[in-house]
């Protein structure tokens, strides 16, 4: 089972580093993260959370 807490921390760090929104998702029991603009087929994903860095417009 993936470590959700670890994935959440990395997703938040990634959003802050890149200064873009990132989405943490689960698919087939695995957790992944992509920049939000790269998500194509959101119907196949269970979105866990979207992280938006402070000051992002």
PDB file of N, CA and C in Angstrom:
ATOM      1  N   UNK A   1       0.849  -1.186   0.000  1.00  0.00           N
ATOM      2  CA  UNK A   1       0.000   0.000   0.000  1.00  0.00           C
ATOM      3  C   UNK A   1       0.886   1.238   0.000  1.00  0.00           C
ATOM      4  N   UNK A   2       0.613   2.169  -0.888  1.00  0.00           N
ATOM      5  CA  UNK A   2       1.419   3.383  -0.964  1.00  0.00           C
ATOM      6  C   UNK A   2       1.272   4.229   0.299  1.00  0.00           C
ATOM      7  N   UNK A   3       2.311   4.968   0.617  1.00  0.00           N
ATOM      8  CA  UNK A   3       2.302   5.842   1.783  1.00  0.00           C
ATOM      9  C   UNK A   3       1.692   7.187   1.380  1.00  0.00           C
ATOM     10  N   UNK A   4       0.404   7.368   1.697  1.00  0.00           N
ATOM     11  CA  UNK A   4      -0.314   8.572   1.299  1.00  0.00           C
ATOM     12  C   UNK A   4       0.299   9.821   1.918  1.00  0.00           C
ATOM     13  N   UNK A   5       0.718   9.752   3.180  1.00  0.00           N
ATOM     14  CA  UNK A   5       1.300  10.918   3.839  1.00  0.00           C
ATOM     15  C   UNK A   5       2.575  11.372   3.129  1.00  0.00           C
ATOM     16  N   UNK A   6       3.412  10.428   2.758  1.00  0.00           N
ATOM     17  CA  UNK A   6       4.643  10.747   2.040  1.00  0.00           C
ATOM     18  C   UNK A   6       4.321  11.369   0.680  1.00  0.00           C
ATOM     19  N   UNK A   7       3.357  10.796  -0.017  1.00  0.00           N
ATOM     20  CA  UNK A   7       2.962  11.319  -1.321  1.00  0.00           C
ATOM     21  C   UNK A   7       2.404  12.729  -1.204  1.00  0.00           C
ATOM     22  N   UNK A   8       1.602  12.997  -0.182  1.00  0.00           N
ATOM     23  CA  UNK A   8       1.050  14.329   0.021  1.00  0.00           C
ATOM     24  C   UNK A   8       2.156  15.350   0.270  1.00  0.00           C
ATOM     25  N   UNK A   9       3.133  14.993   1.085  1.00  0.00           N
ATOM     26  CA  UNK A   9       4.243  15.909   1.359  1.00  0.00           C
ATOM     27  C   UNK A   9       5.041  16.211   0.093  1.00  0.00           C
ATOM     28  N   UNK A  10       5.304  15.185  -0.698  1.00  0.00           N
ATOM     29  CA  UNK A  10       6.052  15.395  -1.939  1.00  0.00           C
ATOM     30  C   UNK A  10       5.250  16.224  -2.939  1.00  0.00           C
ATOM     31  N   UNK A  11       3.961  16.003  -3.020  1.00  0.00           N
ATOM     32  CA  UNK A  11       3.121  16.774  -3.942  1.00  0.00           C
ATOM     33  C   UNK A  11       3.110  18.253  -3.554  1.00  0.00           C
ATOM     34  N   UNK A  12       2.991  18.525  -2.278  1.00  0.00           N
ATOM     35  CA  UNK A  12       3.002  19.912  -1.813  1.00  0.00           C
ATOM     36  C   UNK A  12       4.354  20.561  -2.105  1.00  0.00           C
ATOM     37  N   UNK A  13       5.435  19.849  -1.844  1.00  0.00           N
ATOM     38  CA  UNK A  13       6.773  20.374  -2.140  1.00  0.00           C
ATOM     39  C   UNK A  13       6.944  20.639  -3.637  1.00  0.00           C
ATOM     40  N   UNK A  14       6.438  19.731  -4.459  1.00  0.00           N
ATOM     41  CA  UNK A  14       6.535  19.901  -5.901  1.00  0.00           C
ATOM     42  C   UNK A  14       5.779  21.142  -6.357  1.00  0.00           C
ATOM     43  N   UNK A  15       4.575  21.343  -5.842  1.00  0.00           N
ATOM     44  CA  UNK A  15       3.789  22.522  -6.203  1.00  0.00           C
ATOM     45  C   UNK A  15       4.531  23.800  -5.825  1.00  0.00           C
ATOM     46  N   UNK A  16       5.117  23.808  -4.647  1.00  0.00           N
ATOM     47  CA  UNK A  16       5.851  24.992  -4.184  1.00  0.00           C
ATOM     48  C   UNK A  16       7.121  25.222  -5.003  1.00  0.00           C
ATOM     49  N   UNK A  17       7.803  24.151  -5.359  1.00  0.00           N
ATOM     50  CA  UNK A  17       9.046  24.279  -6.129  1.00  0.00           C
ATOM     51  C   UNK A  17       8.776  24.754  -7.549  1.00  0.00           C
ATOM     52  N   UNK A  18       7.805  24.124  -8.208  1.00  0.00           N
ATOM     53  CA  UNK A  18       7.490  24.471  -9.592  1.00  0.00           C
ATOM     54  C   UNK A  18       6.612  25.710  -9.710  1.00  0.00           C
ATOM     55  N   UNK A  19       5.954  26.069  -8.604  1.00  0.00           N
ATOM     56  CA  UNK A  19       5.001  27.188  -8.573  1.00  0.00           C
ATOM     57  C   UNK A  19       3.869  26.998  -9.584  1.00  0.00           C
ATOM     58  N   UNK A  20       3.368  25.764  -9.657  1.00  0.00           N
ATOM     59  CA  UNK A  20       2.217  25.421 -10.486  1.00  0.00           C
ATOM     60  C   UNK A  20       1.328  24.469  -9.689  1.00  0.00           C
ATOM     61  N   UNK A  21       0.039  24.423  -9.972  1.00  0.00           N
ATOM     62  CA  UNK A  21      -0.833  23.457  -9.307  1.00  0.00           C
ATOM     63  C   UNK A  21      -0.458  22.029  -9.702  1.00  0.00           C
ATOM     64  N   UNK A  22      -0.462  21.126  -8.735  1.00  0.00           N
ATOM     65  CA  UNK A  22      -0.233  19.716  -8.996  1.00  0.00           C
ATOM     66  C   UNK A  22      -1.393  18.919  -8.409  1.00  0.00           C
ATOM     67  N   UNK A  23      -1.678  17.786  -9.012  1.00  0.00           N
ATOM     68  CA  UNK A  23      -2.774  16.938  -8.572  1.00  0.00           C
ATOM     69  C   UNK A  23      -2.233  15.598  -8.113  1.00  0.00           C
ATOM     70  N   UNK A  24      -2.637  15.213  -6.919  1.00  0.00           N
ATOM     71  CA  UNK A  24      -2.309  13.905  -6.366  1.00  0.00           C
ATOM     72  C   UNK A  24      -3.495  13.003  -6.681  1.00  0.00           C
ATOM     73  N   UNK A  25      -3.224  11.854  -7.288  1.00  0.00           N
ATOM     74  CA  UNK A  25      -4.319  10.976  -7.709  1.00  0.00           C
ATOM     75  C   UNK A  25      -3.988   9.528  -7.392  1.00  0.00           C
ATOM     76  N   UNK A  26      -5.025   8.702  -7.428  1.00  0.00           N
ATOM     77  CA  UNK A  26      -4.871   7.260  -7.244  1.00  0.00           C
ATOM     78  C   UNK A  26      -5.512   6.551  -8.424  1.00  0.00           C
ATOM     79  N   UNK A  27      -4.820   5.537  -8.910  1.00  0.00           N
ATOM     80  CA  UNK A  27      -5.349   4.714  -9.989  1.00  0.00           C
ATOM     81  C   UNK A  27      -4.824   3.296  -9.794  1.00  0.00           C
ATOM     82  N   UNK A  28      -5.722   2.348  -9.802  1.00  0.00           N
ATOM     83  CA  UNK A  28      -5.369   0.931  -9.630  1.00  0.00           C
ATOM     84  C   UNK A  28      -4.526   0.691  -8.379  1.00  0.00           C
ATOM     85  N   UNK A  29      -4.847   1.378  -7.298  1.00  0.00           N
ATOM     86  CA  UNK A  29      -4.149   1.177  -6.035  1.00  0.00           C
ATOM     87  C   UNK A  29      -2.798   1.847  -5.932  1.00  0.00           C
ATOM     88  N   UNK A  30      -2.418   2.596  -6.945  1.00  0.00           N
ATOM     89  CA  UNK A  30      -1.146   3.316  -6.944  1.00  0.00           C
ATOM     90  C   UNK A  30      -1.412   4.811  -6.862  1.00  0.00           C
ATOM     91  N   UNK A  31      -0.476   5.532  -6.253  1.00  0.00           N
ATOM     92  CA  UNK A  31      -0.597   6.979  -6.111  1.00  0.00           C
ATOM     93  C   UNK A  31       0.374   7.644  -7.066  1.00  0.00           C
ATOM     94  N   UNK A  32      -0.081   8.715  -7.694  1.00  0.00           N
ATOM     95  CA  UNK A  32       0.774   9.473  -8.605  1.00  0.00           C
ATOM     96  C   UNK A  32       0.525  10.951  -8.455  1.00  0.00           C
ATOM     97  N   UNK A  33       1.409  11.722  -9.034  1.00  0.00           N
ATOM     98  CA  UNK A  33       1.261  13.178  -9.013  1.00  0.00           C
ATOM     99  C   UNK A  33       1.706  13.723 -10.363  1.00  0.00           C
ATOM    100  N   UNK A  34       0.930  14.660 -10.879  1.00  0.00           N
ATOM    101  CA  UNK A  34       1.242  15.345 -12.129  1.00  0.00           C
ATOM    102  C   UNK A  34       0.908  16.817 -11.971  1.00  0.00           C
ATOM    103  N   UNK A  35       1.539  17.636 -12.783  1.00  0.00           N
ATOM    104  CA  UNK A  35       1.070  19.012 -12.815  1.00  0.00           C
ATOM    105  C   UNK A  35      -0.364  18.960 -13.333  1.00  0.00           C
ATOM    106  N   UNK A  36      -1.207  19.787 -12.775  1.00  0.00           N
ATOM    107  CA  UNK A  36      -2.647  19.708 -13.058  1.00  0.00           C
ATOM    108  C   UNK A  36      -2.970  19.889 -14.535  1.00  0.00           C
ATOM    109  N   UNK A  37      -2.172  20.678 -15.251  1.00  0.00           N
ATOM    110  CA  UNK A  37      -2.456  20.891 -16.674  1.00  0.00           C
ATOM    111  C   UNK A  37      -2.098  19.686 -17.535  1.00  0.00           C
ATOM    112  N   UNK A  38      -1.408  18.691 -16.986  1.00  0.00           N
ATOM    113  CA  UNK A  38      -1.042  17.490 -17.742  1.00  0.00           C
ATOM    114  C   UNK A  38      -2.086  16.382 -17.644  1.00  0.00           C
ATOM    115  N   UNK A  39      -3.079  16.527 -16.780  1.00  0.00           N
ATOM    116  CA  UNK A  39      -4.098  15.492 -16.622  1.00  0.00           C
ATOM    117  C   UNK A  39      -5.034  15.487 -17.822  1.00  0.00           C
ATOM    118  N   UNK A  40      -5.140  14.336 -18.468  1.00  0.00           N
ATOM    119  CA  UNK A  40      -5.998  14.222 -19.647  1.00  0.00           C
ATOM    120  C   UNK A  40      -7.319  13.540 -19.317  1.00  0.00           C
ATOM    121  N   UNK A  41      -7.251  12.337 -18.791  1.00  0.00           N
ATOM    122  CA  UNK A  41      -8.451  11.526 -18.574  1.00  0.00           C
ATOM    123  C   UNK A  41      -8.750  11.441 -17.087  1.00  0.00           C
ATOM    124  N   UNK A  42      -9.352  12.503 -16.554  1.00  0.00           N
ATOM    125  CA  UNK A  42      -9.637  12.543 -15.122  1.00  0.00           C
ATOM    126  C   UNK A  42     -10.707  11.533 -14.718  1.00  0.00           C
ATOM    127  N   UNK A  43     -11.473  11.008 -15.669  1.00  0.00           N
ATOM    128  CA  UNK A  43     -12.504  10.028 -15.345  1.00  0.00           C
ATOM    129  C   UNK A  43     -11.899   8.710 -14.856  1.00  0.00           C
ATOM    130  N   UNK A  44     -10.695   8.396 -15.321  1.00  0.00           N
ATOM    131  CA  UNK A  44     -10.053   7.136 -14.938  1.00  0.00           C
ATOM    132  C   UNK A  44      -9.318   7.255 -13.600  1.00  0.00           C
ATOM    133  N   UNK A  45      -9.216   8.469 -13.079  1.00  0.00           N
ATOM    134  CA  UNK A  45      -8.449   8.720 -11.858  1.00  0.00           C
ATOM    135  C   UNK A  45      -9.358   9.032 -10.684  1.00  0.00           C
ATOM    136  N   UNK A  46      -8.900   8.651  -9.506  1.00  0.00           N
ATOM    137  CA  UNK A  46      -9.535   9.117  -8.283  1.00  0.00           C
ATOM    138  C   UNK A  46      -8.641  10.232  -7.748  1.00  0.00           C
ATOM    139  N   UNK A  47      -9.092  11.471  -7.906  1.00  0.00           N
ATOM    140  CA  UNK A  47      -8.290  12.609  -7.466  1.00  0.00           C
ATOM    141  C   UNK A  47      -8.353  12.689  -5.955  1.00  0.00           C
ATOM    142  N   UNK A  48      -7.168  12.709  -5.339  1.00  0.00           N
ATOM    143  CA  UNK A  48      -7.057  12.773  -3.891  1.00  0.00           C
ATOM    144  C   UNK A  48      -7.054  14.228  -3.446  1.00  0.00           C
ATOM    145  N   UNK A  49      -6.236  15.052  -4.117  1.00  0.00           N
ATOM    146  CA  UNK A  49      -6.156  16.465  -3.737  1.00  0.00           C
ATOM    147  C   UNK A  49      -5.405  17.229  -4.811  1.00  0.00           C
ATOM    148  N   UNK A  50      -5.761  18.505  -4.968  1.00  0.00           N
ATOM    149  CA  UNK A  50      -4.991  19.395  -5.834  1.00  0.00           C
ATOM    150  C   UNK A  50      -4.288  20.402  -4.946  1.00  0.00           C
ATOM    151  N   UNK A  51      -2.995  20.557  -5.154  1.00  0.00           N
ATOM    152  CA  UNK A  51      -2.189  21.501  -4.390  1.00  0.00           C
ATOM    153  C   UNK A  51      -1.888  22.711  -5.249  1.00  0.00           C
ATOM    154  N   UNK A  52      -2.245  23.883  -4.754  1.00  0.00           N
ATOM    155  CA  UNK A  52      -2.014  25.133  -5.477  1.00  0.00           C
ATOM    156  C   UNK A  52      -1.078  25.969  -4.609  1.00  0.00           C
ATOM    157  N   UNK A  53       0.084  26.344  -5.146  1.00  0.00           N
ATOM    158  CA  UNK A  53       1.027  27.107  -4.336  1.00  0.00           C
ATOM    159  C   UNK A  53       0.492  28.499  -4.015  1.00  0.00           C
ATOM    160  N   UNK A  54       0.878  28.999  -2.862  1.00  0.00           N
ATOM    161  CA  UNK A  54       0.468  30.338  -2.436  1.00  0.00           C
ATOM    162  C   UNK A  54       0.963  31.353  -3.468  1.00  0.00           C
ATOM    163  N   UNK A  55       0.102  32.289  -3.803  1.00  0.00           N
ATOM    164  CA  UNK A  55       0.469  33.329  -4.746  1.00  0.00           C
ATOM    165  C   UNK A  55       0.254  32.947  -6.190  1.00  0.00           C
ATOM    166  N   UNK A  56      -0.204  31.699  -6.467  1.00  0.00           N
ATOM    167  CA  UNK A  56      -0.461  31.288  -7.835  1.00  0.00           C
ATOM    168  C   UNK A  56      -1.769  31.912  -8.296  1.00  0.00           C
ATOM    169  N   UNK A  57      -1.751  32.459  -9.508  1.00  0.00           N
ATOM    170  CA  UNK A  57      -2.968  33.095 -10.037  1.00  0.00           C
ATOM    171  C   UNK A  57      -3.376  32.438 -11.302  1.00  0.00           C
TER     172      UNK A  57
END
